[in-house]
């Protein structure tokens, strides 16, 4: 039969899980999309402006 874990162990696991969750969210928020390479192509908006 399993022994019941102590209260301090349960709190320690909960705090560790919270720290991992926050660290994961911070890393995910900082990992944005890569910047596009600069190209010599004209933007699509100017093609629409020329048609007018």
PDB file of N, CA and C in Angstrom:
ATOM      1  N   UNK A   1       0.839  -1.176   0.000  1.00  0.00           N
ATOM      2  CA  UNK A   1       0.000   0.000   0.000  1.00  0.00           C
ATOM      3  C   UNK A   1       0.890   1.247   0.000  1.00  0.00           C
ATOM      4  N   UNK A   2       0.450   2.266  -0.684  1.00  0.00           N
ATOM      5  CA  UNK A   2       1.241   3.490  -0.785  1.00  0.00           C
ATOM      6  C   UNK A   2       1.140   4.309   0.498  1.00  0.00           C
ATOM      7  N   UNK A   3       2.270   4.892   0.861  1.00  0.00           N
ATOM      8  CA  UNK A   3       2.259   5.778   2.021  1.00  0.00           C
ATOM      9  C   UNK A   3       1.838   7.173   1.594  1.00  0.00           C
ATOM     10  N   UNK A   4       1.183   7.856   2.476  1.00  0.00           N
ATOM     11  CA  UNK A   4       0.777   9.226   2.193  1.00  0.00           C
ATOM     12  C   UNK A   4       1.993  10.134   2.308  1.00  0.00           C
ATOM     13  N   UNK A   5       2.184  11.011   1.318  1.00  0.00           N
ATOM     14  CA  UNK A   5       3.331  11.921   1.352  1.00  0.00           C
ATOM     15  C   UNK A   5       3.061  13.052   2.334  1.00  0.00           C
ATOM     16  N   UNK A   6       4.124  13.575   2.872  1.00  0.00           N
ATOM     17  CA  UNK A   6       3.957  14.645   3.856  1.00  0.00           C
ATOM     18  C   UNK A   6       3.522  15.941   3.173  1.00  0.00           C
ATOM     19  N   UNK A   7       3.002  16.824   3.975  1.00  0.00           N
ATOM     20  CA  UNK A   7       2.507  18.099   3.455  1.00  0.00           C
ATOM     21  C   UNK A   7       3.633  18.914   2.839  1.00  0.00           C
ATOM     22  N   UNK A   8       4.793  18.912   3.467  1.00  0.00           N
ATOM     23  CA  UNK A   8       5.905  19.710   2.934  1.00  0.00           C
ATOM     24  C   UNK A   8       6.378  19.186   1.582  1.00  0.00           C
ATOM     25  N   UNK A   9       6.339  17.879   1.394  1.00  0.00           N
ATOM     26  CA  UNK A   9       6.736  17.310   0.106  1.00  0.00           C
ATOM     27  C   UNK A   9       5.724  17.697  -0.969  1.00  0.00           C
ATOM     28  N   UNK A  10       4.452  17.677  -0.638  1.00  0.00           N
ATOM     29  CA  UNK A  10       3.434  18.071  -1.610  1.00  0.00           C
ATOM     30  C   UNK A  10       3.573  19.543  -1.980  1.00  0.00           C
ATOM     31  N   UNK A  11       3.834  20.399  -0.992  1.00  0.00           N
ATOM     32  CA  UNK A  11       4.038  21.822  -1.292  1.00  0.00           C
ATOM     33  C   UNK A  11       5.287  22.030  -2.135  1.00  0.00           C
ATOM     34  N   UNK A  12       6.350  21.295  -1.828  1.00  0.00           N
ATOM     35  CA  UNK A  12       7.588  21.430  -2.597  1.00  0.00           C
ATOM     36  C   UNK A  12       7.368  21.023  -4.049  1.00  0.00           C
ATOM     37  N   UNK A  13       6.632  19.931  -4.271  1.00  0.00           N
ATOM     38  CA  UNK A  13       6.335  19.511  -5.642  1.00  0.00           C
ATOM     39  C   UNK A  13       5.477  20.536  -6.362  1.00  0.00           C
ATOM     40  N   UNK A  14       4.511  21.102  -5.664  1.00  0.00           N
ATOM     41  CA  UNK A  14       3.654  22.116  -6.274  1.00  0.00           C
ATOM     42  C   UNK A  14       4.416  23.363  -6.656  1.00  0.00           C
ATOM     43  N   UNK A  15       5.313  23.793  -5.777  1.00  0.00           N
ATOM     44  CA  UNK A  15       6.124  24.977  -6.062  1.00  0.00           C
ATOM     45  C   UNK A  15       7.070  24.700  -7.224  1.00  0.00           C
ATOM     46  N   UNK A  16       7.675  23.514  -7.242  1.00  0.00           N
ATOM     47  CA  UNK A  16       8.568  23.161  -8.348  1.00  0.00           C
ATOM     48  C   UNK A  16       7.810  23.130  -9.671  1.00  0.00           C
ATOM     49  N   UNK A  17       6.604  22.596  -9.664  1.00  0.00           N
ATOM     50  CA  UNK A  17       5.794  22.560 -10.883  1.00  0.00           C
ATOM     51  C   UNK A  17       5.416  23.971 -11.334  1.00  0.00           C
ATOM     52  N   UNK A  18       5.118  24.847 -10.382  1.00  0.00           N
ATOM     53  CA  UNK A  18       4.775  26.232 -10.727  1.00  0.00           C
ATOM     54  C   UNK A  18       5.965  26.956 -11.335  1.00  0.00           C
ATOM     55  N   UNK A  19       7.162  26.721 -10.782  1.00  0.00           N
ATOM     56  CA  UNK A  19       8.365  27.369 -11.313  1.00  0.00           C
ATOM     57  C   UNK A  19       8.645  26.886 -12.727  1.00  0.00           C
ATOM     58  N   UNK A  20       8.488  25.591 -12.958  1.00  0.00           N
ATOM     59  CA  UNK A  20       8.698  25.050 -14.303  1.00  0.00           C
ATOM     60  C   UNK A  20       7.676  25.633 -15.270  1.00  0.00           C
ATOM     61  N   UNK A  21       6.427  25.764 -14.845  1.00  0.00           N
ATOM     62  CA  UNK A  21       5.389  26.315 -15.717  1.00  0.00           C
ATOM     63  C   UNK A  21       5.669  27.768 -16.075  1.00  0.00           C
ATOM     64  N   UNK A  22       6.071  28.564 -15.107  1.00  0.00           N
ATOM     65  CA  UNK A  22       6.373  29.978 -15.363  1.00  0.00           C
ATOM     66  C   UNK A  22       7.584  30.103 -16.274  1.00  0.00           C
ATOM     67  N   UNK A  23       8.615  29.309 -16.020  1.00  0.00           N
ATOM     68  CA  UNK A  23       9.806  29.357 -16.874  1.00  0.00           C
ATOM     69  C   UNK A  23       9.466  28.968 -18.309  1.00  0.00           C
ATOM     70  N   UNK A  24       8.614  27.982 -18.475  1.00  0.00           N
ATOM     71  CA  UNK A  24       8.201  27.567 -19.817  1.00  0.00           C
ATOM     72  C   UNK A  24       7.439  28.673 -20.521  1.00  0.00           C
ATOM     73  N   UNK A  25       6.538  29.336 -19.808  1.00  0.00           N
ATOM     74  CA  UNK A  25       5.777  30.433 -20.421  1.00  0.00           C
ATOM     75  C   UNK A  25       6.670  31.611 -20.788  1.00  0.00           C
ATOM     76  N   UNK A  26       7.639  31.929 -19.938  1.00  0.00           N
ATOM     77  CA  UNK A  26       8.556  33.037 -20.233  1.00  0.00           C
ATOM     78  C   UNK A  26       9.397  32.712 -21.456  1.00  0.00           C
ATOM     79  N   UNK A  27       9.912  31.494 -21.526  1.00  0.00           N
ATOM     80  CA  UNK A  27      10.702  31.106 -22.693  1.00  0.00           C
ATOM     81  C   UNK A  27       9.857  31.098 -23.957  1.00  0.00           C
ATOM     82  N   UNK A  28       8.631  30.659 -23.868  1.00  0.00           N
ATOM     83  CA  UNK A  28       7.757  30.638 -25.041  1.00  0.00           C
ATOM     84  C   UNK A  28       7.414  32.054 -25.492  1.00  0.00           C
ATOM     85  N   UNK A  29       7.260  32.971 -24.553  1.00  0.00           N
ATOM     86  CA  UNK A  29       6.934  34.349 -24.912  1.00  0.00           C
ATOM     87  C   UNK A  29       8.114  35.036 -25.591  1.00  0.00           C
ATOM     88  N   UNK A  30       9.325  34.666 -25.210  1.00  0.00           N
ATOM     89  CA  UNK A  30      10.514  35.287 -25.800  1.00  0.00           C
ATOM     90  C   UNK A  30      10.900  34.661 -27.126  1.00  0.00           C
ATOM     91  N   UNK A  31      10.384  33.504 -27.435  1.00  0.00           N
ATOM     92  CA  UNK A  31      10.723  32.821 -28.683  1.00  0.00           C
ATOM     93  C   UNK A  31       9.740  33.252 -29.760  1.00  0.00           C
ATOM     94  N   UNK A  32       9.970  34.410 -30.315  1.00  0.00           N
ATOM     95  CA  UNK A  32       9.088  34.930 -31.354  1.00  0.00           C
ATOM     96  C   UNK A  32       9.513  34.421 -32.711  1.00  0.00           C
ATOM     97  N   UNK A  33       8.759  34.780 -33.723  1.00  0.00           N
ATOM     98  CA  UNK A  33       9.122  34.352 -35.078  1.00  0.00           C
ATOM     99  C   UNK A  33      10.415  35.018 -35.534  1.00  0.00           C
ATOM    100  N   UNK A  34      11.137  34.354 -36.378  1.00  0.00           N
ATOM    101  CA  UNK A  34      12.394  34.896 -36.896  1.00  0.00           C
ATOM    102  C   UNK A  34      12.092  36.072 -37.811  1.00  0.00           C
ATOM    103  N   UNK A  35      13.009  36.997 -37.864  1.00  0.00           N
ATOM    104  CA  UNK A  35      12.814  38.151 -38.744  1.00  0.00           C
ATOM    105  C   UNK A  35      13.020  37.718 -40.192  1.00  0.00           C
ATOM    106  N   UNK A  36      12.234  38.286 -41.052  1.00  0.00           N
ATOM    107  CA  UNK A  36      12.329  37.950 -42.467  1.00  0.00           C
ATOM    108  C   UNK A  36      13.591  38.566 -43.061  1.00  0.00           C
ATOM    109  N   UNK A  37      14.191  37.870 -43.966  1.00  0.00           N
ATOM    110  CA  UNK A  37      15.366  38.398 -44.656  1.00  0.00           C
ATOM    111  C   UNK A  37      14.917  39.531 -45.560  1.00  0.00           C
ATOM    112  N   UNK A  38      15.759  40.527 -45.687  1.00  0.00           N
ATOM    113  CA  UNK A  38      15.405  41.655 -46.547  1.00  0.00           C
ATOM    114  C   UNK A  38      15.481  41.217 -48.002  1.00  0.00           C
ATOM    115  N   UNK A  39      14.497  41.620 -48.772  1.00  0.00           N
ATOM    116  CA  UNK A  39      14.460  41.241 -50.184  1.00  0.00           C
ATOM    117  C   UNK A  39      14.267  42.485 -51.034  1.00  0.00           C
ATOM    118  N   UNK A  40      14.574  42.335 -52.309  1.00  0.00           N
ATOM    119  CA  UNK A  40      14.433  43.450 -53.239  1.00  0.00           C
ATOM    120  C   UNK A  40      13.061  43.490 -53.889  1.00  0.00           C
ATOM    121  N   UNK A  41      12.193  42.576 -53.524  1.00  0.00           N
ATOM    122  CA  UNK A  41      10.863  42.556 -54.110  1.00  0.00           C
ATOM    123  C   UNK A  41      10.048  43.700 -53.552  1.00  0.00           C
ATOM    124  N   UNK A  42       9.189  44.242 -54.401  1.00  0.00           N
ATOM    125  CA  UNK A  42       8.335  45.322 -53.929  1.00  0.00           C
ATOM    126  C   UNK A  42       7.182  44.747 -53.127  1.00  0.00           C
ATOM    127  N   UNK A  43       6.728  45.465 -52.139  1.00  0.00           N
ATOM    128  CA  UNK A  43       5.604  44.966 -51.319  1.00  0.00           C
ATOM    129  C   UNK A  43       4.347  44.817 -52.153  1.00  0.00           C
ATOM    130  N   UNK A  44       3.474  43.941 -51.717  1.00  0.00           N
ATOM    131  CA  UNK A  44       2.229  43.691 -52.452  1.00  0.00           C
ATOM    132  C   UNK A  44       1.307  44.903 -52.423  1.00  0.00           C
ATOM    133  N   UNK A  45       1.390  45.713 -51.395  1.00  0.00           N
ATOM    134  CA  UNK A  45       0.509  46.877 -51.288  1.00  0.00           C
ATOM    135  C   UNK A  45       0.772  47.856 -52.424  1.00  0.00           C
ATOM    136  N   UNK A  46       2.012  47.999 -52.878  1.00  0.00           N
ATOM    137  CA  UNK A  46       2.287  48.940 -53.965  1.00  0.00           C
ATOM    138  C   UNK A  46       1.694  48.452 -55.271  1.00  0.00           C
ATOM    139  N   UNK A  47       1.605  47.128 -55.445  1.00  0.00           N
ATOM    140  CA  UNK A  47       0.992  46.600 -56.670  1.00  0.00           C
ATOM    141  C   UNK A  47      -0.485  46.994 -56.712  1.00  0.00           C
ATOM    142  N   UNK A  48      -1.148  46.993 -55.554  1.00  0.00           N
ATOM    143  CA  UNK A  48      -2.537  47.398 -55.516  1.00  0.00           C
ATOM    144  C   UNK A  48      -2.676  48.903 -55.760  1.00  0.00           C
ATOM    145  N   UNK A  49      -1.727  49.667 -55.270  1.00  0.00           N
ATOM    146  CA  UNK A  49      -1.788  51.116 -55.462  1.00  0.00           C
ATOM    147  C   UNK A  49      -1.589  51.471 -56.928  1.00  0.00           C
ATOM    148  N   UNK A  50      -0.744  50.723 -57.648  1.00  0.00           N
ATOM    149  CA  UNK A  50      -0.501  51.010 -59.050  1.00  0.00           C
ATOM    150  C   UNK A  50      -1.733  50.704 -59.894  1.00  0.00           C
ATOM    151  N   UNK A  51      -2.550  49.763 -59.478  1.00  0.00           N
ATOM    152  CA  UNK A  51      -3.726  49.389 -60.244  1.00  0.00           C
ATOM    153  C   UNK A  51      -4.797  50.464 -60.189  1.00  0.00           C
ATOM    154  N   UNK A  52      -4.760  51.302 -59.170  1.00  0.00           N
ATOM    155  CA  UNK A  52      -5.797  52.338 -59.030  1.00  0.00           C
ATOM    156  C   UNK A  52      -5.639  53.433 -59.990  1.00  0.00           C
TER     157      UNK A  52
END
